[in-house]
């Protein structure tokens, strides 16, 4: 299993990295340089890619080596993948040799024996880099290969630049890769490398529109203890955050920003759920709050520009002046996206992800815990989860007593309680089976959606009042929209009462 941390540099930061004191302090030999030419192979319909595998032949000097990488995962920039490697005599792969290495009954073993793969395999893109390699020995005894790659990815004349660092663990503790990277980050601006060179090459070979990544079920089993379940939930949430970061920075994609924000909120909800048994460091909590604020401001304008205001325009198609208001709101949304993208592209965000991933993978919460507190982490997660979900439901029921005809502040508190309850159920649902909790989740989702719309109207009113102060020429249109939203909210508040009555009668079966 290959374990490496991938970090991206700008060209302006390369020299600062080369001269970094830690490379000199920990190098066990002088750095050496290689020129590498990689050719990646797949079928025209990308059978290997769709099986989560990548096959390349690397030529360096007179030697050619084939490598198959498959499976694994990426957590906080740390790539863990199965890897099989062997020398080849020519420019193409030797599938017969790979079949000898890869387990016969594994998905990739079956893939290599597929006649379609053998008959239709062809080169699809190339990677050319000059690699500088430092062999490092850390004070704890860990051995790391640190490689700086500069070059490009080429697919039929279309190219992408390569300027990245790979920290591959040869011997030792993977957590020390994070420690080393964070020490570098203090002096050299870097970004998390979520995508491998192969994934970036495939993006050139078969371009696709940005795909926002939604939350996926957490892989929990009843045999897990509390600690393992917490780790799985955190990794799941952090994965959703990171998976959407690229499209937020480079595409300004609205849905990707929304899903990245959802990932952050899920993560913060998980930390709150497990707070009775383990504590999150204050600095990580503060950094998550910062990221929430950066994404939230952009999301507020997105909803006004893409949902709330267009709905008003559909309901009042003859109202003049709304087109000018929509143009101004869209400009504000774009500006707020630029700010959010800058935050996600900043060194501060890189530090947040590296720090959080290091804490989660290293069970960092144990550092300040007593032996008695640690024993609580070994309890079966199913019992812990059941009690926690019941507690969340009781809190929701208590807050919802005064929901009918409630003020916006009260509705907001109920909405937050509903959201936290839903996140808790979604985290732990795999322990009980999807069907057992499905009806409750559906009712909870309907209530949450309706409360969400009412909250969007409140947020819209705040943004429009601010816009009124800055753009008095839009006063008439702003006044109309605010009035419409106020009347619509008053009408829809009655539906909230009905949805609440439906939910309050239901029992949470867990």
Protein backbone atom coordinates (compact mmCIF):
# COMPACT_ATOMS: atom_id res chain seq x y z
CA UNK A 1 0.00 0.00 0.00
CA UNK A 2 1.43 3.34 -1.11
CA UNK A 3 0.93 6.20 1.38
CA UNK A 4 1.71 9.71 0.20
CA UNK A 5 0.70 13.31 0.79
CA UNK A 6 0.32 15.47 -2.31
CA UNK A 7 0.71 19.26 -2.12
CA UNK A 8 0.45 21.82 -4.91
CA UNK A 9 2.77 24.80 -5.37
CA UNK A 10 2.76 27.91 -7.49
CA UNK A 11 5.81 28.50 -9.65
CA UNK A 12 6.72 31.48 -7.45
CA UNK A 13 7.01 29.21 -4.39
CA UNK A 14 9.32 26.62 -5.94
CA UNK A 15 12.60 28.27 -4.99
CA UNK A 16 11.43 28.91 -1.43
CA UNK A 17 10.66 25.21 -1.17
CA UNK A 18 14.01 24.12 -2.63
CA UNK A 19 15.87 26.28 -0.10
CA UNK A 20 13.75 25.26 2.89
CA UNK A 21 15.74 24.58 6.03
CA UNK A 22 13.92 21.29 6.75
CA UNK A 23 15.12 19.73 3.49
CA UNK A 24 18.70 20.51 4.46
CA UNK A 25 18.22 19.43 8.07
CA UNK A 26 16.63 16.03 7.35
CA UNK A 27 18.24 14.98 4.04
CA UNK A 28 20.14 11.72 4.34
CA UNK A 29 21.81 12.26 0.93
CA UNK A 30 22.19 14.93 -1.71
CA UNK A 31 19.04 15.46 -3.82
CA UNK A 32 19.03 13.83 -7.24
CA UNK A 33 17.12 14.71 -10.40
CA UNK A 34 15.22 12.53 -12.85
CA UNK A 35 13.42 13.17 -16.10
CA UNK A 36 10.29 11.05 -16.30
CA UNK A 37 7.93 10.39 -19.19
CA UNK A 38 4.72 8.62 -18.16
CA UNK A 39 2.19 7.19 -20.58
CA UNK A 40 -1.20 6.24 -19.15
CA UNK A 41 -3.20 3.44 -20.74
CA UNK A 42 -6.89 2.61 -20.74
CA UNK A 43 -9.65 1.41 -23.05
CA UNK A 44 -11.59 4.01 -25.08
CA UNK A 45 -14.52 3.62 -22.69
CA UNK A 46 -12.17 3.99 -19.67
CA UNK A 47 -12.65 0.54 -18.13
CA UNK A 48 -9.69 1.01 -15.79
CA UNK A 49 -10.74 4.46 -14.64
CA UNK A 50 -14.28 3.32 -13.89
CA UNK A 51 -12.80 0.47 -11.83
CA UNK A 52 -10.83 3.01 -9.76
CA UNK A 53 -7.53 1.95 -11.32
CA UNK A 54 -4.73 3.65 -13.23
CA UNK A 55 -2.08 2.03 -15.41
CA UNK A 56 1.05 3.78 -16.60
CA UNK A 57 4.43 3.01 -18.11
CA UNK A 58 7.18 5.32 -16.88
CA UNK A 59 10.36 5.84 -18.88
CA UNK A 60 13.30 7.33 -17.02
CA UNK A 61 16.64 7.11 -18.79
CA UNK A 62 17.02 3.64 -20.28
CA UNK A 63 14.54 2.03 -17.88
CA UNK A 64 10.80 1.53 -18.29
CA UNK A 65 8.56 0.53 -15.38
CA UNK A 66 4.84 -0.23 -15.40
CA UNK A 67 2.69 0.64 -12.40
CA UNK A 68 -0.90 -0.25 -11.62
CA UNK A 69 -2.54 1.77 -8.83
CA UNK A 70 -6.02 0.92 -7.63
CA UNK A 71 -8.52 1.35 -4.82
CA UNK A 72 -7.57 3.15 -1.65
CA UNK A 73 -8.79 6.56 -0.58
CA UNK A 74 -7.81 10.21 -0.10
CA UNK A 75 -8.21 11.77 3.35
CA UNK A 76 -7.05 15.33 3.91
CA UNK A 77 -4.65 15.06 0.97
CA UNK A 78 -3.20 11.74 2.20
CA UNK A 79 -3.39 9.25 -0.67
CA UNK A 80 -3.44 5.53 0.21
CA UNK A 81 -3.59 3.17 -2.79
CA UNK A 82 -2.70 -0.39 -3.71
CA UNK A 83 0.29 -0.42 -6.02
CA UNK A 84 1.90 -3.07 -8.23
CA UNK A 85 5.10 -2.36 -10.15
CA UNK A 86 7.46 -4.18 -12.51
CA UNK A 87 9.93 -3.49 -15.30
CA UNK A 88 8.88 -3.73 -18.93
CA UNK A 89 10.99 -4.01 -22.06
CA UNK A 90 9.01 -1.70 -24.33
CA UNK A 91 6.79 1.39 -24.32
CA UNK A 92 3.60 -0.53 -23.49
CA UNK A 93 2.41 -2.46 -20.43
CA UNK A 94 2.93 -6.18 -19.88
CA UNK A 95 -0.46 -7.41 -18.65
CA UNK A 96 0.77 -10.98 -18.23
CA UNK A 97 3.35 -9.79 -15.70
CA UNK A 98 0.76 -7.72 -13.81
CA UNK A 99 -1.57 -10.72 -13.64
CA UNK A 100 1.13 -12.57 -11.75
CA UNK A 101 1.24 -9.82 -9.12
CA UNK A 102 -2.38 -8.84 -8.62
CA UNK A 103 -4.59 -11.12 -6.55
CA UNK A 104 -6.53 -13.36 -8.90
CA UNK A 105 -9.98 -12.80 -7.40
CA UNK A 106 -9.64 -9.07 -6.76
CA UNK A 107 -11.62 -6.64 -8.95
CA UNK A 108 -8.40 -5.56 -10.62
CA UNK A 109 -7.20 -9.12 -11.15
CA UNK A 110 -10.43 -9.87 -13.00
CA UNK A 111 -10.07 -6.61 -14.92
CA UNK A 112 -6.58 -7.53 -16.14
CA UNK A 113 -7.87 -10.87 -17.44
CA UNK A 114 -10.73 -9.24 -19.35
CA UNK A 115 -10.34 -9.74 -23.13
CA UNK A 116 -11.81 -6.28 -23.70
CA UNK A 117 -9.02 -4.65 -21.69
CA UNK A 118 -6.27 -6.62 -23.40
CA UNK A 119 -7.62 -6.08 -26.93
CA UNK A 120 -8.56 -2.39 -26.65
CA UNK A 121 -5.85 -0.95 -24.37
CA UNK A 122 -4.31 2.21 -25.80
CA UNK A 123 -2.31 5.28 -24.66
CA UNK A 124 -4.65 8.12 -23.70
CA UNK A 125 -2.44 10.86 -22.20
CA UNK A 126 1.15 11.53 -21.14
CA UNK A 127 2.88 13.21 -18.20
CA UNK A 128 6.35 14.76 -18.58
CA UNK A 129 8.11 15.97 -15.44
CA UNK A 130 11.52 16.82 -14.09
CA UNK A 131 11.61 15.32 -10.63
CA UNK A 132 13.94 16.37 -7.83
CA UNK A 133 14.09 13.83 -5.00
CA UNK A 134 15.19 14.29 -1.40
CA UNK A 135 15.52 11.24 0.86
CA UNK A 136 14.58 12.42 4.34
CA UNK A 137 14.97 10.92 7.79
CA UNK A 138 12.87 12.70 10.40
CA UNK A 139 13.96 13.01 14.05
CA UNK A 140 11.48 10.26 15.02
CA UNK A 141 13.17 7.87 12.56
CA UNK A 142 10.56 8.10 9.79
CA UNK A 143 11.86 7.79 6.23
CA UNK A 144 10.20 9.98 3.60
CA UNK A 145 10.82 10.39 -0.11
CA UNK A 146 10.14 14.03 -0.93
CA UNK A 147 9.71 14.67 -4.65
CA UNK A 148 9.24 17.99 -6.45
CA UNK A 149 7.62 17.49 -9.86
CA UNK A 150 7.67 20.23 -12.52
CA UNK A 151 6.26 19.64 -15.98
CA UNK A 152 2.95 19.09 -17.75
CA UNK A 153 0.18 16.65 -18.60
CA UNK A 154 -0.43 16.32 -22.34
CA UNK A 155 -3.49 14.89 -24.07
CA UNK A 156 -3.48 15.38 -27.83
CA UNK A 157 -1.99 18.86 -27.55
CA UNK A 158 -4.13 19.98 -24.61
CA UNK A 159 -1.94 20.52 -21.56
CA UNK A 160 -2.11 21.14 -17.83
CA UNK A 161 0.90 22.31 -15.78
CA UNK A 162 2.37 20.14 -13.03
CA UNK A 163 3.95 21.85 -10.03
CA UNK A 164 3.59 19.68 -6.95
CA UNK A 165 5.27 17.97 -4.05
CA UNK A 166 4.78 14.30 -3.17
CA UNK A 167 5.73 13.16 0.32
CA UNK A 168 5.80 9.36 0.23
CA UNK A 169 6.18 7.45 3.48
CA UNK A 170 8.80 4.74 3.12
CA UNK A 171 8.97 3.83 6.80
CA UNK A 172 7.27 5.17 9.91
CA UNK A 173 4.08 6.88 11.05
CA UNK A 174 1.78 8.49 8.43
CA UNK A 175 0.92 11.22 10.95
CA UNK A 176 4.46 12.53 10.67
CA UNK A 177 3.80 13.30 6.99
CA UNK A 178 1.18 15.80 8.20
CA UNK A 179 3.58 17.23 10.77
CA UNK A 180 6.27 17.73 8.14
CA UNK A 181 3.80 19.27 5.69
CA UNK A 182 2.47 21.70 8.31
CA UNK A 183 6.05 22.74 9.11
CA UNK A 184 6.65 23.44 5.42
CA UNK A 185 3.36 25.31 5.15
CA UNK A 186 4.49 27.80 7.77
CA UNK A 187 7.00 29.16 5.23
CA UNK A 188 5.83 27.99 1.78
CA UNK A 189 2.29 28.58 0.44
CA UNK A 190 0.80 25.27 -0.69
CA UNK A 191 -2.56 23.67 -1.44
CA UNK A 192 -3.96 20.21 -0.87
CA UNK A 193 -3.54 17.96 -3.91
CA UNK A 194 -6.85 16.11 -3.97
CA UNK A 195 -6.42 14.81 -7.53
CA UNK A 196 -3.66 12.53 -8.77
CA UNK A 197 -1.88 13.19 -12.06
CA UNK A 198 -3.93 10.36 -13.53
CA UNK A 199 -7.21 12.00 -12.51
CA UNK A 200 -6.09 15.32 -13.96
CA UNK A 201 -5.08 13.57 -17.18
CA UNK A 202 -8.47 11.90 -17.46
CA UNK A 203 -10.07 15.34 -17.03
CA UNK A 204 -8.23 16.37 -20.22
CA UNK A 205 -9.09 13.16 -22.04
CA UNK A 206 -12.82 13.29 -21.24
CA UNK A 207 -13.74 16.77 -19.94
CA UNK A 208 -16.81 16.97 -17.72
CA UNK A 209 -18.78 19.78 -16.14
CA UNK A 210 -18.14 20.28 -12.42
CA UNK A 211 -19.96 17.65 -10.37
CA UNK A 212 -20.91 18.75 -6.88
CA UNK A 213 -20.28 15.95 -4.37
CA UNK A 214 -23.14 15.25 -1.99
CA UNK A 215 -22.93 13.49 1.35
CA UNK A 216 -22.62 9.72 1.20
CA UNK A 217 -23.67 7.19 3.88
CA UNK A 218 -21.07 6.64 6.58
CA UNK A 219 -19.67 3.09 6.65
CA UNK A 220 -20.73 2.18 10.21
CA UNK A 221 -21.36 -1.31 11.59
CA UNK A 222 -22.89 -2.35 14.94
CA UNK A 223 -19.58 -3.92 15.98
CA UNK A 224 -17.80 -0.58 15.91
CA UNK A 225 -17.00 1.21 19.12
CA UNK A 226 -17.69 4.91 19.68
CA UNK A 227 -14.19 5.99 18.74
CA UNK A 228 -14.04 4.14 15.42
CA UNK A 229 -17.50 5.41 14.51
CA UNK A 230 -16.48 8.99 15.26
CA UNK A 231 -13.36 8.64 13.12
CA UNK A 232 -15.40 7.25 10.22
CA UNK A 233 -17.92 10.10 10.44
CA UNK A 234 -15.23 12.78 10.53
CA UNK A 235 -13.39 11.29 7.55
CA UNK A 236 -16.68 11.12 5.64
CA UNK A 237 -17.52 14.78 6.32
CA UNK A 238 -14.01 16.02 5.60
CA UNK A 239 -14.05 14.06 2.36
CA UNK A 240 -17.18 15.89 1.20
CA UNK A 241 -15.60 19.24 2.05
CA UNK A 242 -12.42 18.49 0.13
CA UNK A 243 -14.15 16.88 -2.84
CA UNK A 244 -15.96 20.16 -3.60
CA UNK A 245 -13.07 22.54 -2.94
CA UNK A 246 -11.59 22.40 -6.45
CA UNK A 247 -14.82 23.39 -8.19
CA UNK A 248 -15.34 26.21 -5.69
CA UNK A 249 -11.90 27.66 -6.42
CA UNK A 250 -11.55 27.06 -10.15
CA UNK A 251 -15.14 26.93 -11.43
CA UNK A 252 -17.03 29.17 -8.97
CA UNK A 253 -19.65 26.42 -9.09
CA UNK A 254 -22.73 27.30 -7.05
CA UNK A 255 -23.78 23.76 -6.19
CA UNK A 256 -20.22 22.73 -5.25
CA UNK A 257 -20.03 25.65 -2.82
CA UNK A 258 -23.38 24.59 -1.35
CA UNK A 259 -22.22 21.00 -0.89
CA UNK A 260 -18.87 22.09 0.56
CA UNK A 261 -20.80 24.17 3.09
CA UNK A 262 -23.04 21.19 3.85
CA UNK A 263 -19.91 19.13 4.49
CA UNK A 264 -18.58 21.72 6.94
CA UNK A 265 -21.93 21.88 8.73
CA UNK A 266 -22.10 18.09 8.95
CA UNK A 267 -18.61 18.06 10.39
CA UNK A 268 -19.46 20.66 13.01
CA UNK A 269 -22.65 18.77 13.85
CA UNK A 270 -20.63 15.57 14.35
CA UNK A 271 -18.24 17.34 16.70
CA UNK A 272 -21.21 18.57 18.71
CA UNK A 273 -22.80 15.12 18.82
CA UNK A 274 -19.69 13.49 20.24
CA UNK A 275 -18.77 16.39 22.55
CA UNK A 276 -19.98 14.50 25.66
CA UNK A 277 -17.25 11.88 25.16
CA UNK A 278 -14.42 13.71 23.40
CA UNK A 279 -13.31 17.30 22.89
CA UNK A 280 -12.25 19.10 19.71
CA UNK A 281 -9.31 21.53 20.08
CA UNK A 282 -10.36 25.17 20.20
CA UNK A 283 -8.11 26.14 17.29
CA UNK A 284 -9.76 23.61 14.98
CA UNK A 285 -13.21 24.74 16.09
CA UNK A 286 -12.27 28.36 15.36
CA UNK A 287 -10.94 27.50 11.91
CA UNK A 288 -14.13 25.62 11.05
CA UNK A 289 -16.16 28.62 12.19
CA UNK A 290 -14.04 30.83 9.92
CA UNK A 291 -14.63 28.57 6.92
CA UNK A 292 -18.36 28.41 7.67
CA UNK A 293 -18.52 32.19 7.63
CA UNK A 294 -16.63 32.43 4.32
CA UNK A 295 -18.87 29.92 2.57
CA UNK A 296 -22.07 31.13 4.23
CA UNK A 297 -21.85 34.67 2.91
CA UNK A 298 -21.55 33.42 -0.67
CA UNK A 299 -24.34 30.89 -0.20
CA UNK A 300 -26.74 33.58 1.07
CA UNK A 301 -26.30 35.63 -2.10
CA UNK A 302 -26.50 32.48 -4.26
CA UNK A 303 -29.89 31.57 -2.81
CA UNK A 304 -31.20 35.09 -3.31
CA UNK A 305 -29.90 35.22 -6.90
CA UNK A 306 -30.74 31.68 -7.94
CA UNK A 307 -33.84 30.70 -5.94
CA UNK A 308 -35.64 33.39 -3.94
CA UNK A 309 -35.67 36.29 -6.41
CA UNK A 310 -36.43 34.14 -9.50
CA UNK A 311 -39.41 32.64 -7.61
CA UNK A 312 -40.74 36.16 -6.99
CA UNK A 313 -40.30 37.00 -10.67
CA UNK A 314 -42.27 33.93 -11.72
CA UNK A 315 -45.07 34.84 -9.29
CA UNK A 316 -45.12 38.49 -10.49
CA UNK A 317 -44.11 38.40 -14.17
CA UNK A 318 -45.48 41.88 -14.91
CA UNK A 319 -43.63 43.66 -12.12
CA UNK A 320 -41.17 46.08 -13.75
CA UNK A 321 -37.67 46.68 -12.48
CA UNK A 322 -37.01 43.16 -11.16
CA UNK A 323 -34.61 42.36 -14.02
CA UNK A 324 -32.30 45.20 -12.93
CA UNK A 325 -32.50 44.01 -9.34
CA UNK A 326 -31.64 40.46 -10.39
CA UNK A 327 -28.59 41.69 -12.35
CA UNK A 328 -27.32 43.55 -9.29
CA UNK A 329 -27.92 40.58 -7.00
CA UNK A 330 -26.09 38.28 -9.41
CA UNK A 331 -23.12 40.64 -9.39
CA UNK A 332 -23.10 40.54 -5.59
CA UNK A 333 -23.29 36.75 -5.69
CA UNK A 334 -20.34 36.60 -8.09
CA UNK A 335 -18.30 38.94 -5.90
CA UNK A 336 -19.04 36.88 -2.81
CA UNK A 337 -18.03 33.72 -4.68
CA UNK A 338 -14.72 35.32 -5.54
CA UNK A 339 -14.11 35.98 -1.85
CA UNK A 340 -15.12 32.45 -0.88
CA UNK A 341 -12.89 30.96 -3.59
CA UNK A 342 -10.00 33.06 -2.31
CA UNK A 343 -10.54 31.72 1.20
CA UNK A 344 -10.57 28.09 0.03
CA UNK A 345 -7.49 28.78 -2.10
CA UNK A 346 -5.62 30.30 0.84
CA UNK A 347 -2.86 28.79 2.96
CA UNK A 348 -5.16 29.08 5.97
CA UNK A 349 -7.57 26.58 4.44
CA UNK A 350 -4.70 24.19 3.62
CA UNK A 351 -3.59 24.37 7.25
CA UNK A 352 -7.14 23.69 8.42
CA UNK A 353 -7.47 20.52 6.31
CA UNK A 354 -4.01 19.20 7.16
CA UNK A 355 -4.48 19.95 10.86
CA UNK A 356 -7.91 18.42 11.01
CA UNK A 357 -6.91 15.31 9.05
CA UNK A 358 -3.89 14.83 11.29
CA UNK A 359 -6.05 15.15 14.43
CA UNK A 360 -8.70 12.76 13.12
CA UNK A 361 -6.37 10.06 11.81
CA UNK A 362 -4.17 10.19 14.87
CA UNK A 363 -7.05 10.03 17.38
CA UNK A 364 -5.79 13.36 18.68
CA UNK A 365 -8.71 13.66 21.11
CA UNK A 366 -7.01 11.05 23.30
CA UNK A 367 -4.16 13.39 24.18
CA UNK A 368 -6.00 15.22 26.97
CA UNK A 369 -8.27 12.37 28.10
CA UNK A 370 -8.12 10.42 31.33
CA UNK A 371 -8.10 6.62 31.35
CA UNK A 372 -11.73 6.67 32.54
CA UNK A 373 -12.77 8.95 29.70
CA UNK A 374 -10.98 6.78 27.16
CA UNK A 375 -12.93 3.73 28.31
CA UNK A 376 -16.14 5.47 27.23
CA UNK A 377 -14.80 5.45 23.68
CA UNK A 378 -14.72 1.64 23.68
CA UNK A 379 -18.48 1.28 24.20
CA UNK A 380 -20.54 -0.18 21.32
CA UNK A 381 -21.63 2.64 19.05
CA UNK A 382 -25.18 1.32 18.55
CA UNK A 383 -26.20 1.93 22.18
CA UNK A 384 -24.48 5.31 22.20
CA UNK A 385 -26.14 6.30 18.93
CA UNK A 386 -29.63 5.32 20.05
CA UNK A 387 -29.40 7.41 23.20
CA UNK A 388 -27.97 10.33 21.26
CA UNK A 389 -30.72 10.34 18.63
CA UNK A 390 -33.42 10.16 21.31
CA UNK A 391 -31.79 13.10 23.06
CA UNK A 392 -31.75 15.13 19.84
CA UNK A 393 -35.40 14.32 19.22
CA UNK A 394 -36.41 15.41 22.73
CA UNK A 395 -34.59 18.71 22.24
CA UNK A 396 -36.35 19.21 18.91
CA UNK A 397 -39.77 18.47 20.45
CA UNK A 398 -39.12 20.91 23.27
CA UNK A 399 -38.10 23.71 20.93
CA UNK A 400 -40.99 23.05 18.57
CA UNK A 401 -43.75 23.50 21.14
CA UNK A 402 -44.07 27.17 20.27
CA UNK A 403 -43.46 26.80 16.54
CA UNK A 404 -46.98 27.62 15.33
CA UNK A 405 -47.12 31.34 14.43
CA UNK A 406 -43.61 31.72 15.87
CA UNK A 407 -41.28 34.65 15.32
CA UNK A 408 -38.37 34.19 12.87
CA UNK A 409 -35.90 33.76 15.75
CA UNK A 410 -37.90 30.86 17.18
CA UNK A 411 -38.30 29.24 13.77
CA UNK A 412 -34.57 29.54 13.26
CA UNK A 413 -33.83 27.72 16.54
CA UNK A 414 -36.24 24.93 15.60
CA UNK A 415 -34.68 24.70 12.13
CA UNK A 416 -31.21 24.29 13.62
CA UNK A 417 -32.47 21.63 16.04
CA UNK A 418 -34.18 19.81 13.14
CA UNK A 419 -31.01 19.95 11.08
CA UNK A 420 -28.87 18.56 13.90
CA UNK A 421 -31.38 15.79 14.52
CA UNK A 422 -31.40 14.89 10.85
CA UNK A 423 -27.61 14.84 10.64
CA UNK A 424 -27.47 12.55 13.69
CA UNK A 425 -29.98 10.14 12.14
CA UNK A 426 -28.17 10.15 8.78
CA UNK A 427 -24.83 9.46 10.46
CA UNK A 428 -26.17 6.48 12.41
CA UNK A 429 -28.79 5.19 9.96
CA UNK A 430 -26.50 2.39 8.65
CA UNK A 431 -26.63 0.83 12.14
CA UNK A 432 -30.38 0.34 11.97
CA UNK A 433 -31.19 -0.04 8.29
CA UNK A 434 -32.49 2.66 5.98
CA UNK A 435 -36.14 1.52 6.06
CA UNK A 436 -36.49 1.64 9.82
CA UNK A 437 -35.90 5.38 10.00
CA UNK A 438 -37.04 6.35 6.50
CA UNK A 439 -40.52 7.69 7.41
CA UNK A 440 -39.16 9.81 10.23
CA UNK A 441 -36.37 11.20 8.05
CA UNK A 442 -38.89 12.04 5.31
CA UNK A 443 -41.13 13.95 7.73
CA UNK A 444 -38.14 15.70 9.26
CA UNK A 445 -36.84 16.66 5.81
CA UNK A 446 -40.19 18.16 4.80
CA UNK A 447 -40.28 20.29 7.95
CA UNK A 448 -36.66 21.32 7.51
CA UNK A 449 -37.25 22.31 3.88
CA UNK A 450 -40.21 24.50 4.79
CA UNK A 451 -38.33 26.13 7.66
CA UNK A 452 -35.41 26.57 5.28
CA UNK A 453 -37.55 28.50 2.81
CA UNK A 454 -38.81 30.76 5.59
CA UNK A 455 -35.25 31.33 6.75
CA UNK A 456 -34.21 32.14 3.15
CA UNK A 457 -36.89 34.83 3.15
CA UNK A 458 -35.47 36.32 6.36
CA UNK A 459 -31.91 36.25 4.98
CA UNK A 460 -33.14 37.77 1.71
CA UNK A 461 -34.79 40.61 3.61
CA UNK A 462 -31.51 41.36 5.39
CA UNK A 463 -29.53 41.38 2.14
CA UNK A 464 -32.13 43.51 0.37
CA UNK A 465 -32.16 46.09 3.16
CA UNK A 466 -28.39 46.34 2.85
CA UNK A 467 -28.70 46.65 -0.93
CA UNK A 468 -31.34 49.38 -0.51
CA UNK A 469 -28.87 51.49 1.44
CA UNK A 470 -26.18 51.08 -1.22
CA UNK A 471 -28.38 51.22 -4.33
CA UNK A 472 -31.30 53.62 -3.68
CA UNK A 473 -32.24 53.55 -7.38
CA UNK A 474 -33.49 49.99 -6.82
CA UNK A 475 -35.69 51.01 -3.89
CA UNK A 476 -39.03 50.35 -5.60
CA UNK A 477 -38.13 46.84 -6.73
CA UNK A 478 -36.54 46.00 -3.40
CA UNK A 479 -39.63 47.21 -1.57
CA UNK A 480 -41.89 45.07 -3.74
CA UNK A 481 -39.78 41.92 -3.19
CA UNK A 482 -39.58 42.46 0.57
CA UNK A 483 -43.31 42.92 0.76
CA UNK A 484 -43.98 39.81 -1.32
CA UNK A 485 -41.65 37.68 0.79
CA UNK A 486 -43.20 38.93 4.02
CA UNK A 487 -46.71 38.05 2.83
CA UNK A 488 -45.58 34.67 1.50
CA UNK A 489 -43.83 33.84 4.78
CA UNK A 490 -46.95 34.69 6.79
CA UNK A 491 -49.01 32.41 4.55
CA UNK A 492 -46.51 29.51 4.59
CA UNK A 493 -46.13 29.63 8.36
CA UNK A 494 -49.45 27.77 8.56
CA UNK A 495 -48.00 24.87 6.57
CA UNK A 496 -45.13 24.68 9.06
CA UNK A 497 -47.65 24.03 11.83
CA UNK A 498 -49.18 21.09 9.94
CA UNK A 499 -45.76 19.57 9.19
CA UNK A 500 -44.79 19.98 12.82
CA UNK A 501 -47.93 18.20 14.05
CA UNK A 502 -47.16 15.33 11.69
CA UNK A 503 -43.59 14.99 12.95
CA UNK A 504 -44.46 15.38 16.64
CA UNK A 505 -46.82 12.39 16.47
CA UNK A 506 -44.10 10.10 15.12
CA UNK A 507 -41.77 7.97 17.20
CA UNK A 508 -38.07 7.63 16.44
CA UNK A 509 -37.55 3.89 16.21
CA UNK A 510 -33.95 3.18 17.18
